[in-house]
N, C-alpha and C. Protein backbone atom coordinates (compact mmCIF):
# COMPACT_ATOMS: atom_id res chain seq x y z
N MET A 1 -31.55 30.82 -41.77
CA MET A 1 -31.76 31.37 -40.46
C MET A 1 -33.05 30.84 -39.83
N GLU A 2 -34.04 30.66 -40.70
CA GLU A 2 -35.34 30.16 -40.24
C GLU A 2 -35.21 28.74 -39.70
N SER A 3 -34.36 27.93 -40.34
CA SER A 3 -34.19 26.55 -39.89
C SER A 3 -33.53 26.48 -38.51
N VAL A 4 -32.63 27.42 -38.23
CA VAL A 4 -31.97 27.47 -36.92
C VAL A 4 -33.00 27.79 -35.85
N ARG A 5 -33.90 28.76 -36.15
CA ARG A 5 -34.95 29.12 -35.19
C ARG A 5 -35.88 27.93 -34.94
N ASN A 6 -36.25 27.25 -36.01
CA ASN A 6 -37.14 26.10 -35.87
C ASN A 6 -36.48 25.00 -35.03
N TYR A 7 -35.22 24.72 -35.30
CA TYR A 7 -34.50 23.70 -34.54
C TYR A 7 -34.41 24.09 -33.07
N PHE A 8 -34.08 25.36 -32.81
CA PHE A 8 -33.94 25.86 -31.44
C PHE A 8 -35.28 25.76 -30.71
N SER A 9 -36.34 26.22 -31.35
CA SER A 9 -37.66 26.21 -30.69
C SER A 9 -38.15 24.78 -30.49
N ARG A 10 -37.88 23.89 -31.43
CA ARG A 10 -38.29 22.49 -31.26
C ARG A 10 -37.55 21.84 -30.10
N SER A 11 -36.25 22.08 -30.02
CA SER A 11 -35.48 21.44 -28.95
C SER A 11 -35.83 22.00 -27.58
N ILE A 12 -36.12 23.30 -27.50
CA ILE A 12 -36.47 23.90 -26.21
C ILE A 12 -37.89 23.51 -25.80
N LEU A 13 -38.82 23.60 -26.72
CA LEU A 13 -40.22 23.37 -26.40
C LEU A 13 -40.59 21.90 -26.32
N SER A 14 -39.81 21.05 -26.92
CA SER A 14 -40.16 19.63 -26.91
C SER A 14 -40.01 19.00 -25.53
N GLY A 15 -39.15 19.55 -24.69
CA GLY A 15 -39.00 19.04 -23.33
C GLY A 15 -37.96 17.95 -23.20
N GLU A 16 -37.37 17.51 -24.29
CA GLU A 16 -36.38 16.44 -24.19
C GLU A 16 -35.08 16.92 -23.56
N MET A 17 -34.84 18.22 -23.59
CA MET A 17 -33.61 18.76 -23.01
C MET A 17 -33.83 19.21 -21.57
N ASN A 18 -35.08 19.31 -21.15
CA ASN A 18 -35.36 19.84 -19.82
C ASN A 18 -35.00 18.83 -18.73
N VAL A 19 -34.47 19.38 -17.66
CA VAL A 19 -34.11 18.58 -16.49
C VAL A 19 -34.80 19.21 -15.30
N ALA A 20 -35.44 18.42 -14.48
CA ALA A 20 -36.11 18.92 -13.28
C ALA A 20 -35.11 19.02 -12.14
N VAL A 21 -35.49 19.76 -11.11
CA VAL A 21 -34.64 19.90 -9.93
C VAL A 21 -34.44 18.54 -9.27
N THR A 22 -35.44 17.69 -9.31
CA THR A 22 -35.30 16.35 -8.72
C THR A 22 -34.24 15.53 -9.46
N ASP A 23 -34.11 15.79 -10.77
CA ASP A 23 -33.05 15.11 -11.53
C ASP A 23 -31.67 15.59 -11.09
N LEU A 24 -31.56 16.88 -10.78
CA LEU A 24 -30.28 17.40 -10.26
C LEU A 24 -29.95 16.76 -8.91
N VAL A 25 -30.98 16.63 -8.07
CA VAL A 25 -30.77 16.02 -6.75
C VAL A 25 -30.38 14.56 -6.90
N ALA A 26 -30.88 13.89 -7.92
CA ALA A 26 -30.59 12.47 -8.13
C ALA A 26 -29.20 12.22 -8.70
N LEU A 27 -28.54 13.26 -9.21
CA LEU A 27 -27.18 13.08 -9.74
C LEU A 27 -26.22 12.74 -8.61
N LYS A 28 -25.49 11.66 -8.76
CA LYS A 28 -24.53 11.22 -7.74
C LYS A 28 -23.16 11.06 -8.38
N ARG A 29 -22.16 11.30 -7.59
CA ARG A 29 -20.77 11.10 -8.04
C ARG A 29 -20.49 9.60 -8.07
N GLU A 30 -19.97 9.12 -9.17
CA GLU A 30 -19.69 7.69 -9.33
C GLU A 30 -18.36 7.34 -8.67
N ASP A 31 -18.18 6.06 -8.34
CA ASP A 31 -16.92 5.60 -7.75
C ASP A 31 -15.78 5.82 -8.73
N GLY A 32 -14.71 6.41 -8.26
CA GLY A 32 -13.54 6.64 -9.10
C GLY A 32 -13.65 7.88 -9.97
N GLU A 33 -14.77 8.56 -9.94
CA GLU A 33 -14.95 9.76 -10.75
C GLU A 33 -14.30 10.95 -10.05
N THR A 34 -13.55 11.73 -10.79
CA THR A 34 -12.91 12.91 -10.19
C THR A 34 -13.97 13.97 -9.94
N ILE A 35 -13.63 14.90 -9.06
CA ILE A 35 -14.56 15.98 -8.75
C ILE A 35 -14.82 16.84 -9.98
N ASP A 36 -13.80 17.02 -10.80
CA ASP A 36 -13.98 17.83 -12.01
C ASP A 36 -14.97 17.18 -12.98
N ASP A 37 -14.86 15.87 -13.16
CA ASP A 37 -15.78 15.17 -14.06
C ASP A 37 -17.21 15.22 -13.52
N TYR A 38 -17.35 15.06 -12.21
CA TYR A 38 -18.68 15.13 -11.60
C TYR A 38 -19.28 16.52 -11.78
N LEU A 39 -18.49 17.56 -11.55
CA LEU A 39 -19.02 18.92 -11.69
C LEU A 39 -19.35 19.26 -13.14
N ILE A 40 -18.62 18.72 -14.09
CA ILE A 40 -18.96 18.93 -15.51
C ILE A 40 -20.32 18.30 -15.81
N ARG A 41 -20.53 17.07 -15.33
CA ARG A 41 -21.83 16.42 -15.52
C ARG A 41 -22.94 17.22 -14.84
N PHE A 42 -22.64 17.70 -13.62
CA PHE A 42 -23.64 18.46 -12.87
C PHE A 42 -23.97 19.77 -13.58
N LYS A 43 -22.94 20.48 -14.07
CA LYS A 43 -23.18 21.75 -14.76
C LYS A 43 -23.95 21.55 -16.06
N ASN A 44 -23.66 20.46 -16.78
CA ASN A 44 -24.41 20.16 -18.01
C ASN A 44 -25.88 19.93 -17.70
N ALA A 45 -26.15 19.18 -16.63
CA ALA A 45 -27.54 18.94 -16.24
C ALA A 45 -28.20 20.23 -15.77
N ARG A 46 -27.45 21.04 -15.03
CA ARG A 46 -28.00 22.31 -14.53
C ARG A 46 -28.33 23.25 -15.69
N SER A 47 -27.52 23.24 -16.74
CA SER A 47 -27.79 24.13 -17.87
C SER A 47 -29.07 23.73 -18.61
N ARG A 48 -29.48 22.47 -18.47
CA ARG A 48 -30.72 22.01 -19.10
C ARG A 48 -31.93 22.17 -18.18
N CYS A 49 -31.68 22.64 -16.95
CA CYS A 49 -32.77 22.82 -15.98
C CYS A 49 -33.44 24.17 -16.23
N CYS A 50 -34.76 24.16 -16.32
CA CYS A 50 -35.51 25.40 -16.59
C CYS A 50 -35.71 26.24 -15.34
N VAL A 51 -35.62 25.64 -14.18
CA VAL A 51 -35.85 26.36 -12.92
C VAL A 51 -34.58 27.11 -12.56
N SER A 52 -34.73 28.37 -12.25
CA SER A 52 -33.60 29.20 -11.85
C SER A 52 -33.38 29.03 -10.35
N LEU A 53 -32.18 28.62 -9.98
CA LEU A 53 -31.84 28.40 -8.57
C LEU A 53 -30.71 29.32 -8.16
N PRO A 54 -30.74 29.80 -6.91
CA PRO A 54 -29.59 30.59 -6.44
C PRO A 54 -28.36 29.69 -6.34
N GLU A 55 -27.19 30.31 -6.45
CA GLU A 55 -25.92 29.55 -6.46
C GLU A 55 -25.73 28.75 -5.17
N SER A 56 -26.15 29.29 -4.04
CA SER A 56 -26.00 28.57 -2.77
C SER A 56 -26.80 27.26 -2.78
N GLU A 57 -28.00 27.27 -3.38
CA GLU A 57 -28.80 26.05 -3.47
C GLU A 57 -28.18 25.06 -4.45
N VAL A 58 -27.62 25.56 -5.52
CA VAL A 58 -26.95 24.69 -6.50
C VAL A 58 -25.77 23.98 -5.83
N VAL A 59 -25.02 24.73 -5.01
CA VAL A 59 -23.88 24.14 -4.30
C VAL A 59 -24.36 23.07 -3.32
N LYS A 60 -25.47 23.31 -2.62
CA LYS A 60 -26.01 22.32 -1.68
C LYS A 60 -26.43 21.05 -2.41
N ILE A 61 -27.08 21.22 -3.56
CA ILE A 61 -27.52 20.05 -4.34
C ILE A 61 -26.31 19.27 -4.85
N ALA A 62 -25.29 19.97 -5.32
CA ALA A 62 -24.07 19.30 -5.81
C ALA A 62 -23.37 18.58 -4.67
N THR A 63 -23.38 19.18 -3.47
CA THR A 63 -22.74 18.56 -2.31
C THR A 63 -23.45 17.27 -1.91
N MET A 64 -24.78 17.25 -2.04
CA MET A 64 -25.53 16.04 -1.69
C MET A 64 -25.15 14.88 -2.61
N GLY A 65 -24.73 15.16 -3.82
CA GLY A 65 -24.38 14.11 -4.76
C GLY A 65 -22.97 13.59 -4.60
N LEU A 66 -22.21 14.15 -3.67
CA LEU A 66 -20.81 13.74 -3.50
C LEU A 66 -20.65 12.45 -2.70
N GLY A 67 -21.67 12.02 -2.02
CA GLY A 67 -21.56 10.82 -1.19
C GLY A 67 -21.60 11.20 0.28
N PHE A 68 -21.84 10.20 1.11
CA PHE A 68 -22.06 10.44 2.54
C PHE A 68 -20.85 11.06 3.22
N TYR A 69 -19.66 10.48 3.00
CA TYR A 69 -18.46 10.96 3.68
C TYR A 69 -18.19 12.43 3.36
N MET A 70 -18.21 12.76 2.08
CA MET A 70 -17.90 14.13 1.67
C MET A 70 -19.00 15.09 2.09
N SER A 71 -20.25 14.67 2.00
CA SER A 71 -21.36 15.53 2.43
C SER A 71 -21.26 15.84 3.91
N ARG A 72 -20.88 14.84 4.70
CA ARG A 72 -20.72 15.04 6.14
C ARG A 72 -19.58 16.00 6.45
N LYS A 73 -18.48 15.89 5.71
CA LYS A 73 -17.33 16.77 5.93
C LYS A 73 -17.65 18.22 5.57
N LEU A 74 -18.49 18.41 4.56
CA LEU A 74 -18.79 19.76 4.07
C LEU A 74 -20.13 20.29 4.57
N LEU A 75 -20.71 19.64 5.58
CA LEU A 75 -22.05 19.98 6.04
C LEU A 75 -22.16 21.42 6.54
N ASN A 76 -21.31 21.84 7.43
CA ASN A 76 -21.41 23.18 8.03
C ASN A 76 -20.37 24.14 7.48
N VAL A 77 -19.91 23.89 6.28
CA VAL A 77 -18.91 24.75 5.65
C VAL A 77 -19.61 25.65 4.63
N HIS A 78 -19.33 26.95 4.71
CA HIS A 78 -19.93 27.88 3.73
C HIS A 78 -19.11 27.81 2.44
N ILE A 79 -19.78 27.44 1.37
CA ILE A 79 -19.14 27.34 0.06
C ILE A 79 -19.94 28.22 -0.90
N PRO A 80 -19.34 29.30 -1.39
CA PRO A 80 -20.10 30.26 -2.21
C PRO A 80 -20.46 29.78 -3.61
N ASP A 81 -19.59 28.97 -4.25
CA ASP A 81 -19.88 28.55 -5.62
C ASP A 81 -19.25 27.19 -5.90
N LEU A 82 -19.47 26.68 -7.10
CA LEU A 82 -19.00 25.33 -7.46
C LEU A 82 -17.48 25.25 -7.55
N ALA A 83 -16.82 26.33 -7.91
CA ALA A 83 -15.35 26.32 -7.97
C ALA A 83 -14.77 26.13 -6.57
N HIS A 84 -15.35 26.81 -5.58
CA HIS A 84 -14.90 26.63 -4.20
C HIS A 84 -15.23 25.23 -3.70
N LEU A 85 -16.36 24.69 -4.15
CA LEU A 85 -16.72 23.32 -3.77
C LEU A 85 -15.67 22.34 -4.28
N ALA A 86 -15.26 22.50 -5.52
CA ALA A 86 -14.25 21.60 -6.09
C ALA A 86 -12.95 21.69 -5.29
N GLU A 87 -12.56 22.89 -4.92
CA GLU A 87 -11.32 23.07 -4.15
C GLU A 87 -11.43 22.42 -2.77
N LYS A 88 -12.57 22.60 -2.10
CA LYS A 88 -12.77 21.99 -0.77
C LYS A 88 -12.75 20.47 -0.86
N VAL A 89 -13.35 19.93 -1.91
CA VAL A 89 -13.37 18.47 -2.08
C VAL A 89 -11.95 17.96 -2.30
N ARG A 90 -11.17 18.64 -3.12
CA ARG A 90 -9.78 18.22 -3.35
C ARG A 90 -8.99 18.25 -2.05
N GLN A 91 -9.16 19.30 -1.26
CA GLN A 91 -8.45 19.41 0.02
C GLN A 91 -8.87 18.29 0.97
N THR A 92 -10.16 18.01 1.03
CA THR A 92 -10.65 16.96 1.92
C THR A 92 -10.15 15.59 1.49
N GLU A 93 -10.14 15.33 0.18
CA GLU A 93 -9.62 14.04 -0.31
C GLU A 93 -8.14 13.90 -0.03
N LEU A 94 -7.39 14.99 -0.18
CA LEU A 94 -5.96 14.95 0.11
C LEU A 94 -5.71 14.68 1.59
N MET A 95 -6.48 15.33 2.45
CA MET A 95 -6.34 15.10 3.89
C MET A 95 -6.69 13.66 4.25
N LYS A 96 -7.70 13.11 3.60
CA LYS A 96 -8.10 11.73 3.87
C LYS A 96 -6.99 10.76 3.47
N LYS A 97 -6.36 10.99 2.31
CA LYS A 97 -5.26 10.13 1.87
C LYS A 97 -4.08 10.22 2.83
N GLU A 98 -3.74 11.44 3.25
CA GLU A 98 -2.63 11.62 4.18
C GLU A 98 -2.92 10.96 5.52
N LYS A 99 -4.16 11.05 5.98
CA LYS A 99 -4.55 10.43 7.24
C LYS A 99 -4.44 8.91 7.15
N GLU A 100 -4.90 8.33 6.04
CA GLU A 100 -4.80 6.88 5.85
C GLU A 100 -3.34 6.43 5.78
N LYS A 101 -2.51 7.21 5.10
CA LYS A 101 -1.09 6.89 5.01
C LYS A 101 -0.44 6.93 6.38
N TYR A 102 -0.76 7.96 7.17
CA TYR A 102 -0.21 8.10 8.52
C TYR A 102 -0.65 6.93 9.39
N ARG A 103 -1.92 6.56 9.31
CA ARG A 103 -2.42 5.45 10.13
C ARG A 103 -1.76 4.14 9.75
N SER A 104 -1.56 3.91 8.45
CA SER A 104 -0.91 2.65 8.04
C SER A 104 0.54 2.62 8.51
N GLU A 105 1.21 3.77 8.48
CA GLU A 105 2.59 3.82 8.99
C GLU A 105 2.61 3.57 10.49
N GLN A 106 1.65 4.12 11.22
CA GLN A 106 1.59 3.91 12.66
C GLN A 106 1.30 2.46 12.99
N ARG A 107 0.42 1.83 12.20
CA ARG A 107 0.13 0.41 12.43
C ARG A 107 1.36 -0.45 12.21
N SER A 108 2.12 -0.14 11.16
CA SER A 108 3.30 -0.94 10.88
C SER A 108 4.38 -0.71 11.93
N LYS A 109 4.45 0.49 12.49
CA LYS A 109 5.43 0.77 13.55
C LYS A 109 5.02 0.15 14.87
N SER A 110 3.72 0.04 15.11
CA SER A 110 3.25 -0.46 16.40
C SER A 110 3.38 -1.98 16.52
N LYS A 111 3.52 -2.68 15.42
CA LYS A 111 3.68 -4.13 15.48
C LYS A 111 5.08 -4.44 15.98
N PRO A 112 5.18 -5.08 17.15
CA PRO A 112 6.51 -5.32 17.71
C PRO A 112 7.33 -6.35 16.94
N LEU A 113 6.68 -7.31 16.36
CA LEU A 113 7.41 -8.38 15.68
C LEU A 113 7.13 -8.35 14.19
N THR A 114 7.44 -7.25 13.56
CA THR A 114 7.25 -7.19 12.12
C THR A 114 8.31 -8.05 11.46
N ARG A 115 7.93 -8.69 10.41
CA ARG A 115 8.84 -9.59 9.72
C ARG A 115 9.68 -8.80 8.74
N LYS A 116 10.96 -8.81 8.95
CA LYS A 116 11.88 -8.13 8.05
C LYS A 116 12.74 -9.17 7.36
N GLU A 117 13.12 -8.86 6.17
CA GLU A 117 13.94 -9.80 5.41
C GLU A 117 15.35 -9.80 5.98
N LYS A 118 15.84 -10.99 6.26
CA LYS A 118 17.19 -11.12 6.80
C LYS A 118 18.13 -11.44 5.65
N VAL A 119 19.23 -10.74 5.62
CA VAL A 119 20.19 -10.92 4.54
C VAL A 119 21.52 -11.35 5.15
N ALA A 120 22.08 -12.42 4.61
CA ALA A 120 23.40 -12.87 5.02
C ALA A 120 24.36 -12.64 3.86
N TYR A 121 25.57 -12.27 4.17
CA TYR A 121 26.54 -12.01 3.11
C TYR A 121 27.92 -12.48 3.55
N VAL A 122 28.78 -12.66 2.58
CA VAL A 122 30.13 -13.14 2.82
C VAL A 122 31.09 -12.01 2.51
N THR A 123 32.03 -11.78 3.42
CA THR A 123 33.06 -10.77 3.17
C THR A 123 34.39 -11.48 3.03
N MET A 124 35.27 -10.85 2.30
CA MET A 124 36.58 -11.43 2.07
C MET A 124 37.62 -10.43 2.56
N GLU A 125 38.39 -10.82 3.55
CA GLU A 125 39.41 -9.93 4.09
C GLU A 125 40.77 -10.59 3.93
N SER A 126 41.74 -9.78 3.63
CA SER A 126 43.10 -10.30 3.48
C SER A 126 44.08 -9.19 3.80
N SER A 127 45.17 -9.55 4.44
CA SER A 127 46.20 -8.55 4.72
C SER A 127 47.14 -8.41 3.52
N GLU A 128 47.06 -9.37 2.61
CA GLU A 128 47.89 -9.29 1.41
C GLU A 128 47.29 -8.28 0.45
N GLU A 129 48.13 -7.71 -0.41
CA GLU A 129 47.64 -6.72 -1.35
C GLU A 129 46.88 -7.36 -2.50
N GLU A 130 47.24 -8.57 -2.87
CA GLU A 130 46.56 -9.25 -3.97
C GLU A 130 45.53 -10.22 -3.40
N PHE A 131 44.37 -10.23 -4.02
CA PHE A 131 43.32 -11.15 -3.60
C PHE A 131 43.37 -12.37 -4.50
N ASP A 132 43.11 -13.50 -3.90
CA ASP A 132 43.02 -14.73 -4.67
C ASP A 132 41.54 -14.97 -4.95
N PHE A 133 41.11 -14.64 -6.17
CA PHE A 133 39.71 -14.78 -6.52
C PHE A 133 39.35 -16.21 -6.88
N GLU A 134 40.29 -17.11 -6.82
CA GLU A 134 40.03 -18.52 -7.09
C GLU A 134 39.60 -19.24 -5.82
N THR A 135 39.52 -18.54 -4.72
CA THR A 135 39.14 -19.15 -3.45
C THR A 135 37.71 -19.64 -3.52
N LYS A 136 37.49 -20.83 -3.01
CA LYS A 136 36.14 -21.40 -3.00
C LYS A 136 35.50 -21.10 -1.65
N VAL A 137 34.25 -20.73 -1.72
CA VAL A 137 33.49 -20.43 -0.51
C VAL A 137 32.26 -21.32 -0.51
N GLY A 138 32.03 -22.03 0.59
CA GLY A 138 30.85 -22.86 0.71
C GLY A 138 29.72 -22.07 1.36
N LEU A 139 28.58 -22.04 0.71
CA LEU A 139 27.42 -21.32 1.23
C LEU A 139 26.27 -22.28 1.44
N ALA A 140 25.45 -21.99 2.40
CA ALA A 140 24.26 -22.80 2.64
C ALA A 140 23.10 -21.86 2.96
N GLU A 141 21.93 -22.24 2.50
CA GLU A 141 20.73 -21.44 2.78
C GLU A 141 20.10 -21.95 4.07
N LEU A 142 19.76 -21.04 4.95
CA LEU A 142 19.12 -21.41 6.20
C LEU A 142 17.61 -21.30 6.03
N LYS A 143 16.92 -22.36 6.38
CA LYS A 143 15.46 -22.38 6.26
C LYS A 143 14.86 -22.74 7.60
N LYS A 144 13.66 -22.21 7.84
CA LYS A 144 12.95 -22.59 9.05
C LYS A 144 12.30 -23.94 8.81
N CYS A 145 12.75 -24.93 9.50
CA CYS A 145 12.22 -26.28 9.38
C CYS A 145 12.21 -26.91 10.76
N PRO A 146 11.54 -28.04 10.89
CA PRO A 146 11.62 -28.73 12.17
C PRO A 146 13.06 -29.18 12.44
N PRO A 147 13.41 -29.40 13.69
CA PRO A 147 14.78 -29.79 14.01
C PRO A 147 15.20 -31.07 13.27
N TYR A 148 16.46 -31.10 12.88
CA TYR A 148 17.01 -32.24 12.15
C TYR A 148 18.00 -32.96 13.06
N VAL A 149 17.92 -34.27 13.08
CA VAL A 149 18.83 -35.07 13.90
C VAL A 149 19.77 -35.82 12.96
N CYS A 150 21.06 -35.55 13.09
CA CYS A 150 22.06 -36.20 12.26
C CYS A 150 22.76 -37.26 13.10
N SER A 151 22.97 -38.42 12.50
CA SER A 151 23.59 -39.52 13.25
C SER A 151 25.04 -39.22 13.61
N LEU A 152 25.70 -38.37 12.84
CA LEU A 152 27.10 -38.05 13.13
C LEU A 152 27.24 -37.01 14.23
N LEU A 153 26.15 -36.31 14.52
CA LEU A 153 26.19 -35.31 15.59
C LEU A 153 25.71 -35.97 16.88
N LYS A 154 26.66 -36.34 17.68
CA LYS A 154 26.35 -36.98 18.96
C LYS A 154 27.00 -36.17 20.06
N LYS A 155 26.43 -36.25 21.24
CA LYS A 155 27.01 -35.54 22.37
C LYS A 155 28.35 -36.16 22.73
N LEU A 156 29.24 -35.28 23.17
CA LEU A 156 30.55 -35.77 23.61
C LEU A 156 30.39 -36.57 24.89
N PRO A 157 31.14 -37.63 25.02
CA PRO A 157 31.11 -38.35 26.29
C PRO A 157 31.62 -37.43 27.41
N SER A 158 31.19 -37.68 28.60
CA SER A 158 31.53 -36.80 29.73
C SER A 158 33.04 -36.77 29.98
N SER A 159 33.76 -37.84 29.61
CA SER A 159 35.21 -37.86 29.82
C SER A 159 35.91 -36.83 28.94
N GLU A 160 35.38 -36.58 27.73
CA GLU A 160 36.00 -35.61 26.83
C GLU A 160 35.63 -34.18 27.19
N LYS A 161 34.63 -34.01 28.03
CA LYS A 161 34.22 -32.67 28.41
C LYS A 161 35.05 -32.14 29.58
N SER A 162 36.09 -32.83 29.91
CA SER A 162 36.90 -32.41 31.06
C SER A 162 37.63 -31.11 30.75
N ASN A 163 38.17 -30.53 31.77
CA ASN A 163 38.88 -29.26 31.64
C ASN A 163 40.12 -29.39 30.76
N GLU A 164 40.75 -30.58 30.74
CA GLU A 164 41.96 -30.77 29.95
C GLU A 164 41.67 -30.59 28.46
N SER A 165 40.55 -31.12 27.98
CA SER A 165 40.23 -30.99 26.55
C SER A 165 39.92 -29.53 26.20
N LYS A 166 39.32 -28.80 27.13
CA LYS A 166 39.03 -27.38 26.89
C LYS A 166 40.33 -26.60 26.78
N LEU A 167 41.27 -26.92 27.62
CA LEU A 167 42.54 -26.20 27.62
C LEU A 167 43.36 -26.52 26.39
N ARG A 168 43.33 -27.78 25.93
CA ARG A 168 44.14 -28.18 24.78
C ARG A 168 43.66 -27.48 23.51
N SER A 169 42.40 -27.56 23.21
CA SER A 169 41.92 -27.04 21.93
C SER A 169 41.57 -25.56 22.00
N GLY A 170 41.22 -25.07 23.15
CA GLY A 170 40.81 -23.68 23.27
C GLY A 170 39.34 -23.49 22.93
N LYS A 171 38.79 -24.37 22.11
CA LYS A 171 37.37 -24.29 21.75
C LYS A 171 36.72 -25.63 22.03
N LYS A 172 35.45 -25.60 22.34
CA LYS A 172 34.73 -26.83 22.66
C LYS A 172 33.63 -27.03 21.62
N TYR A 173 33.56 -28.20 21.05
CA TYR A 173 32.54 -28.52 20.05
C TYR A 173 31.74 -29.70 20.55
N SER A 174 30.46 -29.75 20.11
CA SER A 174 29.62 -30.88 20.51
C SER A 174 29.70 -32.02 19.50
N PHE A 175 30.58 -31.91 18.53
CA PHE A 175 30.77 -32.97 17.55
C PHE A 175 32.25 -33.05 17.20
N ASP A 176 32.61 -34.12 16.56
CA ASP A 176 34.00 -34.35 16.18
C ASP A 176 34.32 -33.48 14.96
N ILE A 177 35.26 -32.55 15.10
CA ILE A 177 35.59 -31.61 14.03
C ILE A 177 36.17 -32.33 12.82
N SER A 178 36.85 -33.41 13.04
CA SER A 178 37.45 -34.13 11.92
C SER A 178 36.38 -34.70 10.98
N LYS A 179 35.14 -34.82 11.46
CA LYS A 179 34.06 -35.35 10.62
C LYS A 179 33.18 -34.23 10.05
N SER A 180 33.64 -32.99 10.08
CA SER A 180 32.79 -31.87 9.62
C SER A 180 32.44 -31.98 8.14
N ASP A 181 33.39 -32.45 7.31
CA ASP A 181 33.07 -32.61 5.89
C ASP A 181 32.00 -33.68 5.69
N LYS A 182 32.12 -34.78 6.43
CA LYS A 182 31.12 -35.85 6.32
C LYS A 182 29.75 -35.34 6.78
N ILE A 183 29.74 -34.58 7.86
CA ILE A 183 28.48 -34.04 8.38
C ILE A 183 27.84 -33.13 7.34
N PHE A 184 28.64 -32.27 6.72
CA PHE A 184 28.12 -31.36 5.70
C PHE A 184 27.48 -32.13 4.55
N TYR A 185 28.15 -33.17 4.07
CA TYR A 185 27.63 -33.93 2.94
C TYR A 185 26.40 -34.74 3.32
N VAL A 186 26.34 -35.23 4.56
CA VAL A 186 25.14 -35.95 5.02
C VAL A 186 23.96 -34.98 5.07
N LEU A 187 24.19 -33.80 5.61
CA LEU A 187 23.12 -32.80 5.68
C LEU A 187 22.67 -32.38 4.28
N LEU A 188 23.62 -32.22 3.38
CA LEU A 188 23.30 -31.83 2.01
C LEU A 188 22.49 -32.92 1.31
N LYS A 189 22.90 -34.16 1.53
CA LYS A 189 22.22 -35.29 0.90
C LYS A 189 20.80 -35.46 1.46
N ASP A 190 20.62 -35.27 2.76
CA ASP A 190 19.32 -35.45 3.40
C ASP A 190 18.37 -34.28 3.17
N LYS A 191 18.86 -33.26 2.56
CA LYS A 191 18.05 -32.05 2.31
C LYS A 191 16.83 -32.42 1.53
């Protein structure tokens, strides 16, 4: 029992455990540190402080260590104890996150030309009950590139653009349809 008293008196009287009020004021919340971890550190330091402080002053000192943003938000708010301080800090941090999320959503909505992924797909329709899954489908990827000039794609002569050619085929093309396979292979080869 005597050794416990000696150890206790040595640790208390030696001053190595004592913390001054200025040390409490110097305690700051670290980046990424939760409010609970900060308050545990603060309470541990406060328990080693020999000066008795009222709870309202302890709360003010703890608030100063939270950082500029949080101190400014809690400046004129009455907080009776450290538990209420922790709750107010959690509420303020939650409101800040929600506000940032709302602003980022508003920014993304306000951009008139937001880039969205374009998806192209192929559908297969048939009036027959059985589908022929052996059907071949040719697909090509569209890329944004400078304009390509193909030698097989030439403008129709003005004589072929007459009303008679429109009436005969029903559709008008700026290239010879019979050469479509050749055009496809030339484009594929020049890729």
